[in-house]
Amino acid sequence: MSSEDQEKFRIQYQAGKAAFEGGEYRLSVQRLEAATALVNPNSRLGGEVQIWLVTAYKANGQTPEAITLCRRLGKHPALETRKQSKNLLYILEAPQLQRRSEWLTQIPDLAGLADSDPKARRGSSSFAIASRNPQVRSETEPVDPSEINFKDNQFIWVALLAIAVTIIGMIGFAW
């Protein structure tokens, strides 16, 4: 492989992985297929790219393609690729479990809400939070100095007394 092809491969491979990790599975499939075409499919690196391609196929909803490629990778020359393909094939061919509807939480579709609709932003204003909890003050409101407690609560003296008793006890125990 020439250095130009290596650079093209590296770019396609990295872009495919980044697209997959970003949730752009269709783009990931395209980039990883392009990377696979630029590398020897029987090399260790070729196997690694194809394993990524299997996961991208599955994430993109192309399960039959993922299973087909995974079966082919079961005969790959690289031991690690064969192991990974075996594990992936086991997952891909596993039966789907039935789930009861009461076990699932329905998430409402928020696509229809307009961003400018004030009803859609309920609970997001600082006024709504302050009106529910009168003890909470906003950072812009000045503090009245007459409300500040300046009285000494004697904690420092209690702490110093405890330290002194501990030190005296340790000295007495050491004798």
C-alpha atoms as a PDB file:
ATOM      1  CA  MET A   1       0.000   0.000   0.000  1.00  0.00           C
ATOM      2  CA  SER A   2       1.418   3.377  -0.978  1.00  0.00           C
ATOM      3  CA  SER A   3       1.765   6.195   1.533  1.00  0.00           C
ATOM      4  CA  GLU A   4      -1.062   8.043  -0.193  1.00  0.00           C
ATOM      5  CA  ASP A   5      -3.356   5.019   0.170  1.00  0.00           C
ATOM      6  CA  GLN A   6      -2.287   4.637   3.791  1.00  0.00           C
ATOM      7  CA  GLU A   7      -3.235   8.244   4.469  1.00  0.00           C
ATOM      8  CA  LYS A   8      -6.613   7.815   2.724  1.00  0.00           C
ATOM      9  CA  PHE A   9      -7.199   4.637   4.724  1.00  0.00           C
ATOM     10  CA  ARG A  10      -6.312   6.322   8.005  1.00  0.00           C
ATOM     11  CA  ILE A  11      -8.656   9.241   7.276  1.00  0.00           C
ATOM     12  CA  GLN A  12     -11.563   6.972   6.286  1.00  0.00           C
ATOM     13  CA  TYR A  13     -11.019   4.646   9.228  1.00  0.00           C
ATOM     14  CA  GLN A  14     -10.823   7.440  11.808  1.00  0.00           C
ATOM     15  CA  ALA A  15     -13.835   9.190  10.265  1.00  0.00           C
ATOM     16  CA  GLY A  16     -15.806   5.932  10.367  1.00  0.00           C
ATOM     17  CA  LYS A  17     -14.994   5.335  14.033  1.00  0.00           C
ATOM     18  CA  ALA A  18     -15.782   8.946  14.936  1.00  0.00           C
ATOM     19  CA  ALA A  19     -19.101   8.811  13.073  1.00  0.00           C
ATOM     20  CA  PHE A  20     -20.002   5.573  14.861  1.00  0.00           C
ATOM     21  CA  GLU A  21     -19.155   7.001  18.268  1.00  0.00           C
ATOM     22  CA  GLY A  22     -21.163  10.118  17.376  1.00  0.00           C
ATOM     23  CA  GLY A  23     -24.235   8.058  16.521  1.00  0.00           C
ATOM     24  CA  GLU A  24     -24.057   8.687  12.755  1.00  0.00           C
ATOM     25  CA  TYR A  25     -24.264   5.031  11.779  1.00  0.00           C
ATOM     26  CA  ARG A  26     -25.079   5.444   8.082  1.00  0.00           C
ATOM     27  CA  LEU A  27     -22.033   7.692   7.603  1.00  0.00           C
ATOM     28  CA  SER A  28     -19.980   5.284   9.685  1.00  0.00           C
ATOM     29  CA  VAL A  29     -20.909   2.389   7.372  1.00  0.00           C
ATOM     30  CA  GLN A  30     -19.912   4.435   4.316  1.00  0.00           C
ATOM     31  CA  ARG A  31     -16.538   5.459   5.768  1.00  0.00           C
ATOM     32  CA  LEU A  32     -15.690   1.993   7.092  1.00  0.00           C
ATOM     33  CA  GLU A  33     -16.614   0.360   3.763  1.00  0.00           C
ATOM     34  CA  ALA A  34     -14.298   2.839   2.024  1.00  0.00           C
ATOM     35  CA  ALA A  35     -11.537   2.050   4.523  1.00  0.00           C
ATOM     36  CA  THR A  36     -12.030  -1.706   3.993  1.00  0.00           C
ATOM     37  CA  ALA A  37     -11.561  -1.223   0.250  1.00  0.00           C
ATOM     38  CA  LEU A  38      -8.205   0.489   0.874  1.00  0.00           C
ATOM     39  CA  VAL A  39      -6.656  -2.205   3.103  1.00  0.00           C
ATOM     40  CA  ASN A  40      -5.851  -5.894   2.739  1.00  0.00           C
ATOM     41  CA  PRO A  41      -8.937  -7.559   4.280  1.00  0.00           C
ATOM     42  CA  ASN A  42      -6.826 -10.526   5.490  1.00  0.00           C
ATOM     43  CA  SER A  43      -4.428  -8.372   7.513  1.00  0.00           C
ATOM     44  CA  ARG A  44      -4.800  -7.714  11.220  1.00  0.00           C
ATOM     45  CA  LEU A  45      -5.752  -4.091  10.491  1.00  0.00           C
ATOM     46  CA  GLY A  46      -8.214  -5.213   7.820  1.00  0.00           C
ATOM     47  CA  GLY A  47      -9.879  -7.480  10.373  1.00  0.00           C
ATOM     48  CA  GLU A  48     -10.088  -4.651  12.877  1.00  0.00           C
ATOM     49  CA  VAL A  49     -11.798  -2.384  10.339  1.00  0.00           C
ATOM     50  CA  GLN A  50     -14.246  -5.125   9.421  1.00  0.00           C
ATOM     51  CA  ILE A  51     -15.141  -5.724  13.082  1.00  0.00           C
ATOM     52  CA  TRP A  52     -15.982  -2.039  13.325  1.00  0.00           C
ATOM     53  CA  LEU A  53     -18.003  -2.414  10.140  1.00  0.00           C
ATOM     54  CA  VAL A  54     -20.010  -5.288  11.667  1.00  0.00           C
ATOM     55  CA  THR A  55     -20.981  -3.115  14.630  1.00  0.00           C
ATOM     56  CA  ALA A  56     -21.816  -0.195  12.335  1.00  0.00           C
ATOM     57  CA  TYR A  57     -24.007  -2.460  10.187  1.00  0.00           C
ATOM     58  CA  LYS A  58     -25.886  -3.633  13.270  1.00  0.00           C
ATOM     59  CA  ALA A  59     -26.302  -0.097  14.626  1.00  0.00           C
ATOM     60  CA  ASN A  60     -27.544   1.074  11.222  1.00  0.00           C
ATOM     61  CA  GLY A  61     -30.187  -1.650  11.159  1.00  0.00           C
ATOM     62  CA  GLN A  62     -28.382  -3.784   8.563  1.00  0.00           C
ATOM     63  CA  THR A  63     -28.374  -6.953  10.661  1.00  0.00           C
ATOM     64  CA  PRO A  64     -28.239  -9.441   7.737  1.00  0.00           C
ATOM     65  CA  GLU A  65     -25.128  -7.720   6.359  1.00  0.00           C
ATOM     66  CA  ALA A  66     -23.578  -7.701   9.833  1.00  0.00           C
ATOM     67  CA  ILE A  67     -24.211 -11.448  10.275  1.00  0.00           C
ATOM     68  CA  THR A  68     -22.851 -12.271   6.813  1.00  0.00           C
ATOM     69  CA  LEU A  69     -19.650 -10.293   7.366  1.00  0.00           C
ATOM     70  CA  CYS A  70     -19.279 -11.698  10.872  1.00  0.00           C
ATOM     71  CA  ARG A  71     -19.506 -15.282   9.562  1.00  0.00           C
ATOM     72  CA  ARG A  72     -16.863 -14.480   6.951  1.00  0.00           C
ATOM     73  CA  LEU A  73     -14.607 -13.019   9.657  1.00  0.00           C
ATOM     74  CA  GLY A  74     -14.865 -16.316  11.538  1.00  0.00           C
ATOM     75  CA  LYS A  75     -12.344 -17.663   8.987  1.00  0.00           C
ATOM     76  CA  HIS A  76     -10.024 -14.634   9.172  1.00  0.00           C
ATOM     77  CA  PRO A  77      -6.264 -15.360   9.470  1.00  0.00           C
ATOM     78  CA  ALA A  78      -5.882 -13.173  12.590  1.00  0.00           C
ATOM     79  CA  LEU A  79      -6.794 -15.021  15.794  1.00  0.00           C
ATOM     80  CA  GLU A  80      -8.083 -11.905  17.588  1.00  0.00           C
ATOM     81  CA  THR A  81     -10.413 -11.086  14.687  1.00  0.00           C
ATOM     82  CA  ARG A  82     -11.781 -14.647  14.721  1.00  0.00           C
ATOM     83  CA  LYS A  83     -12.440 -14.434  18.465  1.00  0.00           C
ATOM     84  CA  GLN A  84     -14.180 -11.080  18.184  1.00  0.00           C
ATOM     85  CA  SER A  85     -16.287 -12.239  15.243  1.00  0.00           C
ATOM     86  CA  LYS A  86     -17.344 -15.358  17.152  1.00  0.00           C
ATOM     87  CA  ASN A  87     -18.448 -13.236  20.125  1.00  0.00           C
ATOM     88  CA  LEU A  88     -20.249 -10.741  17.903  1.00  0.00           C
ATOM     89  CA  LEU A  89     -21.987 -13.495  15.936  1.00  0.00           C
ATOM     90  CA  TYR A  90     -23.251 -15.000  19.182  1.00  0.00           C
ATOM     91  CA  ILE A  91     -24.775 -11.618  20.093  1.00  0.00           C
ATOM     92  CA  LEU A  92     -26.171 -10.951  16.605  1.00  0.00           C
ATOM     93  CA  GLU A  93     -27.896 -14.328  16.391  1.00  0.00           C
ATOM     94  CA  ALA A  94     -29.296 -14.249  19.925  1.00  0.00           C
ATOM     95  CA  PRO A  95     -33.100 -14.308  20.058  1.00  0.00           C
ATOM     96  CA  GLN A  96     -34.883 -11.073  20.920  1.00  0.00           C
ATOM     97  CA  LEU A  97     -36.470 -11.122  24.355  1.00  0.00           C
ATOM     98  CA  GLN A  98     -40.109 -10.196  24.738  1.00  0.00           C
ATOM     99  CA  ARG A  99     -40.671  -7.200  26.992  1.00  0.00           C
ATOM    100  CA  ARG A 100     -43.898  -6.369  28.748  1.00  0.00           C
ATOM    101  CA  SER A 101     -45.281  -2.931  28.049  1.00  0.00           C
ATOM    102  CA  GLU A 102     -45.382  -2.104  31.786  1.00  0.00           C
ATOM    103  CA  TRP A 103     -41.602  -2.590  31.930  1.00  0.00           C
ATOM    104  CA  LEU A 104     -41.020   0.167  29.400  1.00  0.00           C
ATOM    105  CA  THR A 105     -41.153   3.904  29.877  1.00  0.00           C
ATOM    106  CA  GLN A 106     -42.608   5.861  26.996  1.00  0.00           C
ATOM    107  CA  ILE A 107     -40.610   8.973  26.179  1.00  0.00           C
ATOM    108  CA  PRO A 108     -42.771  11.701  24.658  1.00  0.00           C
ATOM    109  CA  ASP A 109     -41.795  13.127  21.292  1.00  0.00           C
ATOM    110  CA  LEU A 110     -40.729  16.717  21.892  1.00  0.00           C
ATOM    111  CA  ALA A 111     -40.049  17.508  18.236  1.00  0.00           C
ATOM    112  CA  GLY A 112     -43.407  19.236  17.830  1.00  0.00           C
ATOM    113  CA  LEU A 113     -42.798  21.782  20.586  1.00  0.00           C
ATOM    114  CA  ALA A 114     -41.722  25.217  19.462  1.00  0.00           C
ATOM    115  CA  ASP A 115     -38.720  26.675  21.262  1.00  0.00           C
ATOM    116  CA  SER A 116     -40.443  30.056  21.567  1.00  0.00           C
ATOM    117  CA  ASP A 117     -43.591  28.658  23.171  1.00  0.00           C
ATOM    118  CA  PRO A 118     -43.550  29.775  26.842  1.00  0.00           C
ATOM    119  CA  LYS A 119     -45.653  26.775  27.858  1.00  0.00           C
ATOM    120  CA  ALA A 120     -42.926  24.469  26.522  1.00  0.00           C
ATOM    121  CA  ARG A 121     -40.384  26.003  28.877  1.00  0.00           C
ATOM    122  CA  ARG A 122     -42.316  25.449  32.081  1.00  0.00           C
ATOM    123  CA  GLY A 123     -40.075  25.267  35.105  1.00  0.00           C
ATOM    124  CA  SER A 124     -37.064  26.748  33.369  1.00  0.00           C
ATOM    125  CA  SER A 125     -37.369  30.327  34.633  1.00  0.00           C
ATOM    126  CA  SER A 126     -35.669  31.488  37.803  1.00  0.00           C
ATOM    127  CA  PHE A 127     -38.920  33.206  38.854  1.00  0.00           C
ATOM    128  CA  ALA A 128     -40.761  29.886  38.964  1.00  0.00           C
ATOM    129  CA  ILE A 129     -38.054  28.360  41.163  1.00  0.00           C
ATOM    130  CA  ALA A 130     -37.952  31.341  43.519  1.00  0.00           C
ATOM    131  CA  SER A 131     -41.722  31.459  43.931  1.00  0.00           C
ATOM    132  CA  ARG A 132     -41.849  27.778  44.990  1.00  0.00           C
ATOM    133  CA  ASN A 133     -39.071  28.070  47.553  1.00  0.00           C
ATOM    134  CA  PRO A 134     -39.021  31.476  49.273  1.00  0.00           C
ATOM    135  CA  GLN A 135     -35.781  30.648  51.177  1.00  0.00           C
ATOM    136  CA  VAL A 136     -33.760  30.477  47.916  1.00  0.00           C
ATOM    137  CA  ARG A 137     -32.264  33.786  46.864  1.00  0.00           C
ATOM    138  CA  SER A 138     -30.970  34.637  43.450  1.00  0.00           C
ATOM    139  CA  GLU A 139     -27.328  35.644  43.115  1.00  0.00           C
ATOM    140  CA  THR A 140     -28.221  39.165  41.959  1.00  0.00           C
ATOM    141  CA  GLU A 141     -30.236  40.053  45.090  1.00  0.00           C
ATOM    142  CA  PRO A 142     -28.094  41.888  47.673  1.00  0.00           C
ATOM    143  CA  VAL A 143     -27.845  40.454  51.189  1.00  0.00           C
ATOM    144  CA  ASP A 144     -29.088  42.611  54.053  1.00  0.00           C
ATOM    145  CA  PRO A 145     -26.256  42.938  56.621  1.00  0.00           C
ATOM    146  CA  SER A 146     -28.755  42.918  59.502  1.00  0.00           C
ATOM    147  CA  GLU A 147     -29.627  39.295  58.613  1.00  0.00           C
ATOM    148  CA  ILE A 148     -26.046  38.064  58.993  1.00  0.00           C
ATOM    149  CA  ASN A 149     -25.269  36.201  62.246  1.00  0.00           C
ATOM    150  CA  PHE A 150     -22.056  37.632  63.678  1.00  0.00           C
ATOM    151  CA  LYS A 151     -22.331  35.891  67.068  1.00  0.00           C
ATOM    152  CA  ASP A 152     -19.514  33.566  68.085  1.00  0.00           C
ATOM    153  CA  ASN A 153     -20.879  30.045  68.382  1.00  0.00           C
ATOM    154  CA  GLN A 154     -18.015  28.870  70.625  1.00  0.00           C
ATOM    155  CA  PHE A 155     -17.049  26.092  68.185  1.00  0.00           C
ATOM    156  CA  ILE A 156     -13.422  27.181  67.977  1.00  0.00           C
ATOM    157  CA  TRP A 157     -13.040  27.009  71.761  1.00  0.00           C
ATOM    158  CA  VAL A 158     -14.615  23.547  71.924  1.00  0.00           C
ATOM    159  CA  ALA A 159     -12.310  22.341  69.130  1.00  0.00           C
ATOM    160  CA  LEU A 160      -9.214  23.791  70.833  1.00  0.00           C
ATOM    161  CA  LEU A 161     -10.230  22.213  74.157  1.00  0.00           C
ATOM    162  CA  ALA A 162     -10.659  18.804  72.465  1.00  0.00           C
ATOM    163  CA  ILE A 163      -7.222  19.103  70.844  1.00  0.00           C
ATOM    164  CA  ALA A 164      -5.613  20.087  74.171  1.00  0.00           C
ATOM    165  CA  VAL A 165      -7.235  17.172  76.014  1.00  0.00           C
ATOM    166  CA  THR A 166      -6.088  14.777  73.291  1.00  0.00           C
ATOM    167  CA  ILE A 167      -2.491  16.040  73.447  1.00  0.00           C
ATOM    168  CA  ILE A 168      -2.407  15.900  77.261  1.00  0.00           C
ATOM    169  CA  GLY A 169      -3.862  12.383  77.150  1.00  0.00           C
ATOM    170  CA  MET A 170      -1.223  11.254  74.659  1.00  0.00           C
ATOM    171  CA  ILE A 171       1.588  12.747  76.762  1.00  0.00           C
ATOM    172  CA  GLY A 172       0.202  11.122  79.930  1.00  0.00           C
ATOM    173  CA  PHE A 173      -0.179   7.763  78.145  1.00  0.00           C
ATOM    174  CA  ALA A 174       3.403   7.904  76.868  1.00  0.00           C
ATOM    175  CA  TRP A 175       4.829   8.291  80.440  1.00  0.00           C
END
